[in-house]
Structure formats: structure tokens, C-alpha cells
Amino acid sequence: VYKRQGINAEYGGNSFLLVSTMKLLLLAFILSLSYFSVSCKDGIVIKSANRLIDLDSQFARHYINFTFENTGSSSVSDFFLAVHEERVQNLVFIAIGNPKTNTSEQLIPVPHEVSEKRALYKVSLPDVTVAPGSTVQFEAFLFFSHVMRPLPAQIKQNERQFVRYEDHAYIFSPYEIKTQTTQIKLASSTLESFLERPPTNHKDNIVVYGPYNDIAPFSRAKIHVHFENNKPFITVTSFVRELEVSHWGNLAVEESLSFQHDGAKHKGSWSRWDYQRASYQNMPLPAVASLTEIFPAEATDFYYRDEIGNISTSQYYGTPEAVSFVFKPRFPLFGGWKTAHYHGFNLPLEKFLFTDYNDGSAHTLNFTFAPLLLDTIIDHLTVRVILPEGATNIKLHTPFPVDNEGRSLHFTYLDTVGRPVVTFEKKNIVADIKGSFQVTYSFSRSSLLREPLLLIGGYFTLLFAFILYLRIDLNLKAKVSF
């Protein structure tokens, strides 16, 4: 709600200049308001908004139920979500759902408008248009990473981990909100402190802010919660996935991971005996004992190694739907500790490669974009797709924009000109991101004979050279016969 304030001033000799300056400033302000009204579809009011912030893990998951009302004179089909400037880099993805049709759409955030204080993201509901005077309900899901700060920053082995999370009691929005409520779900009921914004209520692991009425656009009201959270804060600093396509029927997959525990850093000595005793007694410890990744059900021929060799403590469990690979490091990861390993497996190519019915040389490789590595954040994902030698007309299709894309060659056994490699990179990836990427290319069936013919030709050349060696007499002395 904006209130007009009167300004009393006495002008001297430069009154005309001062008045002109004020007029220019007023004109700039009006133009900025007109720009905002155009970009955000003037006439939209949020009748009610209920937000749940789930802090049960290392991530902050925002679930928001909106009820929009179109008070303008024209129909509206697009809406805008706003994010504070300090959270733009932490936003992983946005999902929009329609509760009436039970449908949802996931978006990798690409800001529609960015400024020093906010970023606006344009969203729309499929086949939904809000006529003047009508309302619509939809759900928004915002996923944030790296938003909790360990406090204290260092703890001993048997101490519990506490974190601090900061946000705003008001939902940050470009629209006026008639009534709103924010509910924060903590990872435990141990709450050290929190900043009140009346009305505020706390019970067990739930903190409720609001309801608040008639909140102006882009309003702020900082809050924080300081609570116990012993969940692992695993960050994969580098994840490299390599897919090697063989038209003899195999898709070889190898993944290399470097990861670390970003929770409160471990200080003092470490005792495996104390760790085993605490694990046996089910005591909450901020340590990582294992990681779990989900593979396709057709995966076979597993291997998992690090710099030392095979990791015998790791294992996998197969079900008709998927294969769960449980990787156990050689030592539990406490805060600030890091390790690395690589693993691989084989897949039947027929499940992931599709051939055009009308053109037998046109192929499409379809594979999941985000690795299903549970409860982790991948800071940097690199995917390398190695195609057969002789593949042409190569194109990459991704469900959302990638940070980097490149082409190169890979040489292995019996290669002459090299195998084409498609590489792309993406930052801030979690297992919750859905979607697959496709690589289309041309590869004729006759090209399959390239390596067998090369191998056969090599053997024949070697045998022919051996025969010539036995048949040719290189002795310069003439033979004497009696």
C-alpha cells in the first residue's frame, strides 16, 4: 500500500532547475512502473499464498500454493516468480503444477529479468488462461542448494551439527498478496534460536510465520532459524559420465566422482571405535557412511574402484525396476573430508538406441540427463558421448540449456580417423531434475565392417609378408649344384 507524502520546500534562485530535476525523476519513476506493469501483466493479485519450506536435508525445498486473481481488463496466461538476489545462484530448478489436472512442468531457471535486487522467472500453466474477474490456482516448487551454513563451523567427532538458514517471512513476489502464511519444517525439533515476525508460532520441528495481510510487491522481512541438522551435506564437485556406443549391441557407461562433506568441519582426533559404537547405538552423527545411485534395471558387469583398487565394501541390489548401487568409502566422511572413485557397467544398446524406420542409417541415443545420485548436489556435471567411428550429422538435444557444448575425437583399438565425441557440461544438478537428452547421428550398417575388415586385412598382410620372407632368397652367393 503506497501512501503519498507531502514535501514542503522553499526554492531559492535555482528553483527552476530543482523543479525540472524532480520532474525528470518523477518521469523516470513512472516509466519504471509502466515497464514493470507491462512485464508482469498488470492486474494480477494473489488472493492467498501458503508456503512450506522443507529443511529436512541439506536442501531448501519451497512448496507454494498460489491463488491468482485477474483484476485487469484482459486475459492473462503468464505469471512471474521472483527470487531474492542472494538466492539466484542457489536456485537449481522450478516446477509448476496444476492441482486441478494433476499435471506439472519442470523448468531449469532462465531469468526473464535480472536486476541487482531480484530475478524474475516467467512461468505459465499449460492450456490455462485467466479471464478478467476470474481466479486460478497453481503450485510452485523451488529447489535451492548451498543455503544452510554450519554454525558452529567446526565440531568434534561426537558433537552434533547445527546449521543456520536465512530467508524472509514474506513471500517474495512481484504481485500484491492479500493473505499469506509461511511454514518452516526443520530437520529436528532441536531449535537453538529463530527470529520472530509476529504472528510467529513454534511447535516441535515446525515454525509458522503469519498469516500476513495486504503485503506489497517485493516486500522483505528477514528471518533466520538455527537448528540441529545431522543430515550429510554431500557435494559432488566433479561428476564425469562417459557413454561409449558400440553398434555391436553394447552401451558402456563409466562415471568418475569427486565429492566432499560440506557440513561443519571436523576438528580434533578421529576414532573408528567411537564411530562404530555410535553407529551401533543409532546416535545421530553428521558423517557420511555411504552414497546411493540408481541405475537402469538392465545394468550388468559392475565394477567400482578408487586409486588403491577395488572397493569390496560397495555393493549393488537389483530389482525389476532398477539397480541400487551403494558405494561405501574406505572411511566415513566427516565435515571437510573428501574422496573420489569411479565405477562402470554395461547396458544393452537396444534399450537406449532407436533407429529411424524409414532411414536405417539414422539413429537416436536417449539417456537420462541427471544422474540419480540421491541426497547430493552436483556442482559440475560433464557428459561425454563416444559415438562409433564414421558417425556423421551429429546433433545434441537437451531438455534445457547447457553451460557448455563441444566436439572432439577419441582414439581406441583399431581406430583410424577417431571416434566422434559429444561433450556438454551443466552446473547445479540434483537427482530431482527430470528429463533425458538425445544425440542423433547417421551411421550406416556397412560401417560396422570397417574394423573387422581392417583386422582381417592386417592378418592377411602379416601372413603375406611372412610367406614372402620364406620364399625370397636374399643370399648373394650363387648356389653350386653337383
Protein backbone atom coordinates (compact mmCIF):
# COMPACT_ATOMS: atom_id res chain seq x y z
CA VAL A 1 0.00 0.00 0.00
CA TYR A 2 1.61 3.19 -1.13
CA LYS A 3 0.99 6.47 0.76
CA ARG A 4 1.62 9.82 -0.74
CA GLN A 5 3.74 12.13 1.39
CA GLY A 6 3.75 15.89 1.04
CA ILE A 7 7.06 17.68 0.77
CA ASN A 8 7.42 21.27 1.89
CA ALA A 9 10.42 23.08 0.47
CA GLU A 10 11.48 26.61 -0.16
CA TYR A 11 13.13 27.28 -3.51
CA GLY A 12 15.83 29.82 -3.96
CA GLY A 13 17.43 31.07 -7.12
CA ASN A 14 17.85 27.50 -8.55
CA SER A 15 14.20 26.63 -8.07
CA PHE A 16 13.57 26.10 -11.78
CA LEU A 17 16.49 23.66 -12.05
CA LEU A 18 15.37 21.79 -8.94
CA VAL A 19 11.77 21.54 -10.17
CA SER A 20 12.97 20.26 -13.55
CA THR A 21 15.15 17.64 -11.87
CA MET A 22 12.24 16.47 -9.73
CA LYS A 23 10.04 16.22 -12.81
CA LEU A 24 12.65 14.11 -14.58
CA LEU A 25 12.97 11.83 -11.57
CA LEU A 26 9.19 11.51 -11.36
CA LEU A 27 9.02 10.69 -15.08
CA ALA A 28 11.72 8.01 -14.70
CA PHE A 29 9.83 6.53 -11.77
CA ILE A 30 6.59 6.43 -13.77
CA LEU A 31 8.39 4.80 -16.72
CA SER A 32 9.89 2.17 -14.44
CA LEU A 33 6.45 1.42 -13.03
CA SER A 34 4.98 1.19 -16.53
CA TYR A 35 7.76 -1.22 -17.56
CA PHE A 36 7.07 -3.39 -14.55
CA SER A 37 3.33 -3.39 -15.20
CA VAL A 38 3.90 -4.46 -18.80
CA SER A 39 6.39 -7.20 -17.97
CA CYS A 40 4.37 -8.59 -15.07
CA LYS A 41 0.90 -8.29 -16.60
CA ASP A 42 -0.72 -5.53 -14.57
CA GLY A 43 -3.97 -6.52 -12.90
CA ILE A 44 -2.82 -9.74 -11.22
CA VAL A 45 -3.35 -10.03 -7.47
CA ILE A 46 -2.52 -13.02 -5.28
CA LYS A 47 -5.58 -13.66 -3.13
CA SER A 48 -3.80 -16.23 -0.96
CA ALA A 49 -0.41 -17.92 -0.79
CA ASN A 50 0.73 -20.72 1.50
CA ARG A 51 4.41 -21.64 1.55
CA LEU A 52 6.15 -24.66 3.09
CA ILE A 53 9.96 -24.52 3.39
CA ASP A 54 11.29 -28.05 3.91
CA LEU A 55 14.72 -28.04 5.59
CA ASP A 56 14.79 -31.77 6.33
CA SER A 57 18.04 -32.28 4.38
CA GLN A 58 20.90 -30.14 3.07
CA PHE A 59 18.50 -28.57 0.55
CA ALA A 60 15.73 -25.99 0.93
CA ARG A 61 12.57 -27.09 -0.87
CA HIS A 62 9.89 -24.39 -1.25
CA TYR A 63 6.32 -25.58 -1.87
CA ILE A 64 3.96 -22.68 -2.58
CA ASN A 65 0.22 -22.82 -3.26
CA PHE A 66 -0.99 -19.69 -5.10
CA THR A 67 -4.47 -18.38 -5.81
CA PHE A 68 -4.24 -15.71 -8.52
CA GLU A 69 -7.00 -13.26 -9.36
CA ASN A 70 -7.13 -11.28 -12.59
CA THR A 71 -8.41 -7.81 -11.71
CA GLY A 72 -7.42 -6.37 -15.08
CA SER A 73 -9.33 -5.94 -18.31
CA SER A 74 -7.57 -8.59 -20.45
CA SER A 75 -6.89 -12.31 -20.17
CA VAL A 76 -3.59 -13.49 -18.68
CA SER A 77 -1.74 -16.75 -19.30
CA ASP A 78 1.76 -15.96 -17.97
CA PHE A 79 2.88 -15.36 -14.41
CA PHE A 80 6.13 -14.33 -12.77
CA LEU A 81 8.01 -15.78 -9.82
CA ALA A 82 10.59 -13.64 -8.04
CA VAL A 83 13.79 -14.68 -6.24
CA HIS A 84 15.97 -12.55 -3.98
CA GLU A 85 19.35 -11.51 -5.31
CA GLU A 86 21.18 -13.59 -2.68
CA ARG A 87 19.33 -16.77 -3.75
CA VAL A 88 19.59 -16.57 -7.54
CA GLN A 89 22.85 -18.55 -7.66
CA ASN A 90 21.38 -21.21 -5.35
CA LEU A 91 18.23 -21.87 -7.38
CA VAL A 92 18.50 -25.30 -9.03
CA PHE A 93 15.14 -25.63 -10.75
CA ILE A 94 11.47 -24.62 -10.68
CA ALA A 95 8.44 -26.88 -11.08
CA ILE A 96 4.92 -25.66 -11.82
CA GLY A 97 1.85 -27.81 -11.12
CA ASN A 98 -1.87 -27.56 -11.79
CA PRO A 99 -3.82 -29.15 -8.90
CA LYS A 100 -6.99 -29.46 -10.98
CA THR A 101 -5.46 -31.51 -13.79
CA ASN A 102 -2.72 -33.05 -11.60
CA THR A 103 -0.08 -32.10 -14.17
CA SER A 104 3.30 -30.48 -13.64
CA GLU A 105 6.13 -29.00 -15.65
CA GLN A 106 9.76 -28.68 -14.62
CA LEU A 107 11.89 -25.72 -15.65
CA ILE A 108 15.58 -25.06 -15.37
CA PRO A 109 15.60 -21.39 -14.37
CA VAL A 110 16.48 -18.87 -17.04
CA PRO A 111 15.67 -15.39 -15.68
CA HIS A 112 13.24 -13.29 -17.69
CA GLU A 113 14.51 -10.16 -15.97
CA VAL A 114 17.56 -9.69 -13.73
CA SER A 115 18.48 -6.70 -11.57
CA GLU A 116 20.71 -6.04 -8.59
CA LYS A 117 17.93 -6.85 -6.13
CA ARG A 118 15.93 -9.64 -7.78
CA ALA A 119 15.37 -12.01 -10.66
CA LEU A 120 12.03 -12.71 -12.32
CA TYR A 121 11.14 -16.06 -13.86
CA LYS A 122 8.31 -16.34 -16.34
CA VAL A 123 6.05 -19.38 -15.92
CA SER A 124 2.77 -20.49 -17.42
CA LEU A 125 0.25 -23.26 -16.91
CA PRO A 126 -0.43 -25.45 -19.96
CA ASP A 127 -3.76 -24.63 -21.59
CA VAL A 128 -4.75 -22.22 -18.79
CA THR A 129 -5.86 -18.63 -19.38
CA VAL A 130 -7.24 -16.42 -16.63
CA ALA A 131 -10.11 -14.27 -17.86
CA PRO A 132 -10.83 -10.86 -16.29
CA GLY A 133 -12.51 -11.25 -12.91
CA SER A 134 -11.67 -14.97 -12.54
CA THR A 135 -9.14 -16.85 -10.42
CA VAL A 136 -6.76 -19.76 -10.90
CA GLN A 137 -4.82 -21.99 -8.51
CA PHE A 138 -1.41 -23.44 -9.15
CA GLU A 139 1.52 -24.85 -7.21
CA ALA A 140 5.15 -23.76 -7.46
CA PHE A 141 8.14 -25.76 -6.30
CA LEU A 142 11.54 -24.07 -5.95
CA PHE A 143 14.65 -26.12 -5.18
CA PHE A 144 17.65 -24.37 -3.56
CA SER A 145 21.11 -25.72 -2.73
CA HIS A 146 24.01 -24.45 -0.59
CA VAL A 147 21.70 -22.28 1.53
CA MET A 148 22.46 -23.60 5.05
CA ARG A 149 25.56 -22.51 6.94
CA PRO A 150 27.05 -24.73 9.66
CA LEU A 151 27.12 -22.91 13.00
CA PRO A 152 29.48 -23.57 14.68
CA ALA A 153 31.70 -24.06 11.65
CA GLN A 154 33.82 -26.78 13.36
CA ILE A 155 32.76 -29.63 15.64
CA LYS A 156 34.33 -32.70 17.23
CA GLN A 157 33.52 -36.24 16.18
CA ASN A 158 30.77 -36.92 18.75
CA GLU A 159 29.23 -33.43 18.62
CA ARG A 160 26.02 -32.70 16.80
CA GLN A 161 25.77 -30.43 13.79
CA PHE A 162 23.78 -27.19 13.87
CA VAL A 163 23.03 -25.03 10.86
CA ARG A 164 21.59 -21.58 10.25
CA TYR A 165 19.09 -20.81 7.49
CA GLU A 166 18.08 -17.30 6.46
CA ASP A 167 15.06 -16.23 4.44
CA HIS A 168 12.14 -13.79 4.52
CA ALA A 169 8.83 -14.14 6.31
CA TYR A 170 7.07 -12.61 3.29
CA ILE A 171 6.87 -14.50 0.02
CA PHE A 172 8.97 -12.53 -2.44
CA SER A 173 6.61 -11.72 -5.30
CA PRO A 174 6.05 -9.05 -7.97
CA TYR A 175 2.34 -9.04 -7.07
CA GLU A 176 0.39 -7.80 -4.09
CA ILE A 177 -0.54 -10.65 -1.75
CA LYS A 178 -3.80 -10.33 0.16
CA THR A 179 -3.02 -13.04 2.70
CA GLN A 180 -0.07 -15.40 3.13
CA THR A 181 1.48 -17.90 5.53
CA THR A 182 4.97 -19.43 5.70
CA GLN A 183 5.66 -22.73 7.43
CA ILE A 184 9.23 -23.95 8.01
CA LYS A 185 9.82 -27.66 8.60
CA LEU A 186 13.12 -28.34 10.36
CA ALA A 187 15.27 -31.47 10.28
CA SER A 188 14.81 -31.92 14.04
CA SER A 189 12.89 -30.46 16.96
CA THR A 190 16.08 -29.06 18.49
CA LEU A 191 15.79 -25.35 17.74
CA GLU A 192 18.50 -23.12 19.15
CA SER A 193 17.00 -19.80 18.08
CA PHE A 194 14.82 -18.12 15.49
CA LEU A 195 13.85 -14.56 14.59
CA GLU A 196 10.21 -13.72 15.29
CA ARG A 197 7.98 -11.73 12.95
CA PRO A 198 4.64 -11.62 14.79
CA PRO A 199 2.47 -13.56 14.48
CA THR A 200 5.01 -16.42 14.87
CA ASN A 201 4.40 -19.88 16.33
CA HIS A 202 6.76 -22.76 17.10
CA LYS A 203 5.90 -26.37 17.91
CA ASP A 204 8.24 -29.36 17.67
CA ASN A 205 10.07 -29.03 14.33
CA ILE A 206 7.60 -26.56 12.77
CA VAL A 207 7.88 -22.76 12.77
CA VAL A 208 4.93 -20.81 11.37
CA TYR A 209 5.09 -17.18 10.24
CA GLY A 210 1.81 -15.39 9.61
CA PRO A 211 -0.80 -15.01 8.42
CA TYR A 212 0.13 -11.62 6.97
CA ASN A 213 -2.35 -9.45 5.10
CA ASP A 214 -2.04 -6.91 2.28
CA ILE A 215 1.66 -7.33 1.56
CA ALA A 216 3.02 -5.01 -1.13
CA PRO A 217 5.08 -6.33 -4.08
CA PHE A 218 8.74 -7.17 -3.36
CA SER A 219 8.30 -6.76 0.40
CA ARG A 220 11.02 -8.14 2.65
CA ALA A 221 11.14 -9.25 6.28
CA LYS A 222 14.31 -11.14 7.14
CA ILE A 223 14.14 -14.19 9.38
CA HIS A 224 16.51 -16.96 10.42
CA VAL A 225 16.35 -20.34 12.15
CA HIS A 226 19.25 -22.05 13.95
CA PHE A 227 18.60 -25.75 14.43
CA GLU A 228 20.14 -29.22 14.62
CA ASN A 229 20.63 -30.95 11.27
CA ASN A 230 22.80 -34.07 11.21
CA LYS A 231 22.00 -34.95 7.62
CA PRO A 232 25.01 -35.37 5.32
CA PHE A 233 25.95 -32.30 3.31
CA ILE A 234 27.47 -34.12 0.34
CA THR A 235 28.65 -32.06 -2.63
CA VAL A 236 29.93 -33.72 -5.79
CA THR A 237 32.45 -31.19 -7.02
CA SER A 238 33.01 -33.08 -10.30
CA PHE A 239 30.91 -35.78 -11.96
CA VAL A 240 32.12 -37.10 -15.31
CA ARG A 241 29.87 -39.58 -17.14
CA GLU A 242 31.19 -41.32 -20.25
CA LEU A 243 28.90 -43.25 -22.62
CA GLU A 244 30.56 -45.36 -25.30
CA VAL A 245 28.23 -46.58 -28.05
CA SER A 246 29.03 -49.82 -29.85
CA HIS A 247 26.68 -50.91 -32.63
CA TRP A 248 27.61 -54.49 -31.85
CA GLY A 249 24.98 -54.19 -29.12
CA ASN A 250 26.60 -52.62 -26.06
CA LEU A 251 26.48 -49.26 -24.28
CA ALA A 252 29.39 -48.92 -21.85
CA VAL A 253 28.95 -46.42 -19.01
CA GLU A 254 31.69 -45.15 -16.72
CA GLU A 255 31.27 -42.47 -14.06
CA SER A 256 34.03 -40.67 -12.13
CA LEU A 257 33.12 -38.76 -8.96
CA SER A 258 34.97 -36.37 -6.67
CA PHE A 259 32.91 -35.43 -3.64
CA GLN A 260 33.24 -33.87 -0.20
CA HIS A 261 31.31 -33.26 3.01
CA ASP A 262 30.35 -29.57 3.23
CA GLY A 263 28.95 -29.74 6.75
CA ALA A 264 30.63 -28.49 9.91
CA LYS A 265 34.34 -29.26 9.60
CA HIS A 266 35.76 -31.99 11.78
CA LYS A 267 38.26 -30.89 14.42
CA GLY A 268 40.42 -32.90 16.75
CA SER A 269 41.28 -36.60 16.53
CA TRP A 270 39.16 -39.30 14.94
CA SER A 271 38.37 -42.71 16.41
CA ARG A 272 36.91 -45.54 14.35
CA TRP A 273 35.94 -47.31 17.58
CA ASP A 274 33.83 -44.34 18.74
CA TYR A 275 32.28 -44.12 15.29
CA GLN A 276 31.32 -47.81 15.22
CA ARG A 277 29.88 -47.61 18.74
CA ALA A 278 27.80 -44.53 17.87
CA SER A 279 26.53 -46.23 14.69
CA TYR A 280 25.57 -49.34 16.66
CA GLN A 281 23.64 -47.22 19.16
CA ASN A 282 21.93 -45.26 16.34
CA MET A 283 23.34 -41.98 17.59
CA PRO A 284 22.95 -39.10 15.12
CA LEU A 285 26.33 -38.28 13.60
CA PRO A 286 26.98 -35.78 10.79
CA ALA A 287 29.08 -38.31 8.89
CA VAL A 288 28.60 -39.98 5.53
CA ALA A 289 28.81 -43.77 5.59
CA SER A 290 27.60 -44.43 2.03
CA LEU A 291 26.16 -42.96 -1.16
CA THR A 292 23.36 -44.46 -3.25
CA GLU A 293 22.92 -44.12 -7.01
CA ILE A 294 20.12 -45.63 -9.08
CA PHE A 295 20.96 -47.35 -12.38
CA PRO A 296 18.73 -48.86 -15.09
CA ALA A 297 17.46 -52.35 -14.34
CA GLU A 298 19.35 -53.74 -17.36
CA ALA A 299 22.78 -52.74 -15.95
CA THR A 300 25.32 -55.59 -15.70
CA ASP A 301 29.08 -56.19 -15.26
CA PHE A 302 29.62 -53.69 -12.43
CA TYR A 303 32.98 -52.51 -11.22
CA TYR A 304 33.89 -49.85 -8.65
CA ARG A 305 37.39 -48.71 -7.83
CA ASP A 306 39.47 -45.87 -6.44
CA GLU A 307 43.17 -45.04 -6.63
CA ILE A 308 44.04 -48.04 -4.44
CA GLY A 309 41.95 -50.60 -6.29
CA ASN A 310 38.67 -52.45 -5.94
CA ILE A 311 36.35 -51.28 -3.15
CA SER A 312 34.99 -54.52 -1.69
CA THR A 313 32.64 -52.79 0.79
CA SER A 314 30.48 -51.39 -2.03
CA GLN A 315 27.63 -53.46 -3.41
CA TYR A 316 24.54 -53.25 -5.59
CA TYR A 317 20.99 -54.55 -5.28
CA GLY A 318 18.88 -55.42 -8.31
CA THR A 319 15.11 -55.15 -8.62
CA PRO A 320 12.81 -55.46 -11.66
CA GLU A 321 12.57 -51.65 -11.79
CA ALA A 322 16.16 -50.51 -11.15
CA VAL A 323 19.55 -51.32 -9.67
CA SER A 324 20.62 -49.57 -6.46
CA PHE A 325 24.37 -49.12 -6.17
CA VAL A 326 25.52 -48.43 -2.61
CA PHE A 327 29.03 -47.01 -2.54
CA LYS A 328 30.81 -47.15 0.81
CA PRO A 329 34.06 -45.19 1.05
CA ARG A 330 37.04 -46.73 2.82
CA PHE A 331 36.39 -44.31 5.70
CA PRO A 332 33.33 -42.31 6.84
CA LEU A 333 33.29 -38.75 5.60
CA PHE A 334 33.16 -36.05 8.27
CA GLY A 335 32.90 -32.33 7.62
CA GLY A 336 35.62 -31.03 5.31
CA TRP A 337 36.74 -34.53 4.24
CA LYS A 338 36.76 -35.57 0.59
CA THR A 339 37.34 -38.65 -1.56
CA ALA A 340 36.98 -39.88 -5.15
CA HIS A 341 36.17 -43.09 -7.01
CA TYR A 342 34.94 -44.36 -10.36
CA HIS A 343 32.55 -47.12 -11.36
CA GLY A 344 31.09 -48.56 -14.54
CA PHE A 345 28.66 -51.02 -16.04
CA ASN A 346 27.25 -52.20 -19.37
CA LEU A 347 23.78 -51.73 -20.85
CA PRO A 348 22.05 -53.40 -23.80
CA LEU A 349 22.13 -50.86 -26.63
CA GLU A 350 18.67 -51.80 -27.91
CA LYS A 351 17.04 -50.20 -24.85
CA PHE A 352 18.60 -46.78 -25.45
CA LEU A 353 19.30 -46.52 -29.18
CA PHE A 354 16.46 -46.04 -31.67
CA THR A 355 16.67 -46.32 -35.45
CA ASP A 356 14.51 -44.42 -37.92
CA TYR A 357 12.03 -46.79 -39.57
CA ASN A 358 12.34 -45.03 -42.93
CA ASP A 359 16.11 -44.48 -42.77
CA GLY A 360 18.17 -47.33 -41.36
CA SER A 361 21.25 -45.13 -41.01
CA ALA A 362 19.59 -42.51 -38.76
CA HIS A 363 19.95 -43.25 -35.04
CA THR A 364 18.95 -41.55 -31.79
CA LEU A 365 20.58 -42.22 -28.43
CA ASN A 366 18.28 -41.41 -25.50
CA PHE A 367 19.67 -41.28 -21.95
CA THR A 368 18.79 -39.72 -18.59
CA PHE A 369 20.23 -36.24 -18.17
CA ALA A 370 20.73 -36.07 -14.39
CA PRO A 371 22.48 -38.91 -12.53
CA LEU A 372 20.19 -40.42 -9.91
CA LEU A 373 22.64 -39.82 -7.07
CA LEU A 374 20.44 -39.46 -4.01
CA ASP A 375 20.72 -36.64 -1.44
CA THR A 376 23.61 -34.89 -3.17
CA ILE A 377 24.24 -31.78 -5.23
CA ILE A 378 26.46 -32.00 -8.31
CA ASP A 379 28.33 -28.74 -8.73
CA HIS A 380 29.70 -29.62 -12.16
CA LEU A 381 28.41 -32.36 -14.46
CA THR A 382 30.29 -33.39 -17.61
CA VAL A 383 28.80 -35.90 -20.06
CA ARG A 384 30.87 -37.40 -22.89
CA VAL A 385 29.13 -39.48 -25.55
CA ILE A 386 31.57 -41.51 -27.67
CA LEU A 387 29.97 -42.49 -30.99
CA PRO A 388 31.16 -45.15 -33.45
CA GLU A 389 33.89 -44.22 -35.88
CA GLY A 390 32.32 -42.95 -39.07
CA ALA A 391 29.24 -41.33 -37.45
CA THR A 392 28.13 -38.13 -39.18
CA ASN A 393 25.36 -35.48 -38.96
CA ILE A 394 25.72 -35.38 -35.17
CA LYS A 395 23.28 -33.23 -33.19
CA LEU A 396 22.67 -32.83 -29.46
CA HIS A 397 19.21 -32.21 -27.98
CA THR A 398 18.85 -31.36 -24.28
CA PRO A 399 15.69 -30.71 -22.24
CA PHE A 400 17.12 -27.36 -21.12
CA PRO A 401 20.09 -25.12 -21.97
CA VAL A 402 23.55 -26.39 -21.01
CA ASP A 403 26.54 -24.34 -19.91
CA ASN A 404 29.00 -25.65 -22.46
CA GLU A 405 29.00 -27.94 -25.51
CA GLY A 406 31.88 -29.26 -27.59
CA ARG A 407 33.12 -31.82 -30.13
CA SER A 408 36.31 -33.86 -30.13
CA LEU A 409 37.79 -37.21 -31.22
CA HIS A 410 38.55 -40.32 -29.20
CA PHE A 411 41.04 -42.98 -30.30
CA THR A 412 40.94 -46.58 -29.18
CA TYR A 413 41.63 -50.02 -30.64
CA LEU A 414 41.62 -50.28 -34.46
CA ASP A 415 40.59 -46.65 -34.93
CA THR A 416 41.97 -44.79 -37.94
CA VAL A 417 40.30 -41.35 -38.03
CA GLY A 418 38.96 -41.39 -34.45
CA ARG A 419 35.53 -41.70 -32.87
CA PRO A 420 33.38 -38.54 -32.64
CA VAL A 421 32.75 -37.35 -29.08
CA VAL A 422 29.88 -35.10 -28.00
CA THR A 423 30.57 -33.27 -24.72
CA PHE A 424 28.32 -31.00 -22.69
CA GLU A 425 28.51 -29.52 -19.21
CA LYS A 426 25.96 -28.31 -16.68
CA LYS A 427 26.23 -26.86 -13.18
CA ASN A 428 23.92 -27.34 -10.19
CA ILE A 429 22.39 -30.75 -10.86
CA VAL A 430 20.34 -32.90 -8.47
CA ALA A 431 18.56 -36.23 -8.83
CA ASP A 432 15.17 -34.47 -8.71
CA ILE A 433 15.73 -32.99 -12.18
CA LYS A 434 13.77 -34.98 -14.73
CA GLY A 435 14.34 -35.32 -18.45
CA SER A 436 16.58 -37.03 -20.97
CA PHE A 437 18.98 -35.87 -23.63
CA GLN A 438 19.23 -37.19 -27.19
CA VAL A 439 22.13 -37.49 -29.60
CA THR A 440 21.11 -38.02 -33.22
CA TYR A 441 23.59 -39.17 -35.86
CA SER A 442 23.95 -41.12 -39.10
CA PHE A 443 25.80 -44.43 -39.18
CA SER A 444 25.36 -46.96 -41.99
CA ARG A 445 25.35 -50.69 -41.35
CA SER A 446 28.21 -51.18 -43.77
CA SER A 447 30.39 -49.09 -41.46
CA LEU A 448 30.21 -51.94 -38.96
CA LEU A 449 32.52 -53.90 -41.25
CA ARG A 450 35.26 -51.26 -41.00
CA GLU A 451 37.08 -52.76 -38.02
CA PRO A 452 36.58 -56.45 -38.90
CA LEU A 453 37.88 -55.81 -42.42
CA LEU A 454 40.77 -53.82 -41.00
CA LEU A 455 41.59 -56.68 -38.65
CA ILE A 456 41.32 -59.31 -41.40
CA GLY A 457 43.39 -57.17 -43.76
CA GLY A 458 46.06 -56.78 -41.09
CA TYR A 459 46.26 -60.52 -40.53
CA PHE A 460 46.46 -61.23 -44.28
CA THR A 461 49.15 -58.59 -44.70
CA LEU A 462 51.18 -60.13 -41.89
CA LEU A 463 50.81 -63.66 -43.32
CA PHE A 464 51.65 -62.48 -46.84
CA ALA A 465 54.77 -60.73 -45.55
CA PHE A 466 55.79 -63.93 -43.73
CA ILE A 467 55.30 -66.00 -46.90
CA LEU A 468 57.39 -63.55 -48.92
CA TYR A 469 60.10 -63.72 -46.30
CA LEU A 470 60.26 -67.51 -46.60
CA ARG A 471 60.14 -67.52 -50.41
CA ILE A 472 62.62 -64.79 -51.24
CA ASP A 473 66.29 -65.71 -51.16
CA LEU A 474 68.38 -62.72 -50.16
CA ASN A 475 71.75 -64.60 -50.32
CA LEU A 476 74.14 -63.02 -52.86
CA LYS A 477 76.20 -66.26 -53.27
CA ALA A 478 75.20 -68.44 -56.20
CA LYS A 479 74.20 -71.98 -55.34
CA VAL A 480 76.57 -74.72 -56.66
CA SER A 481 74.98 -77.97 -57.81
CA PHE A 482 76.88 -81.27 -58.36
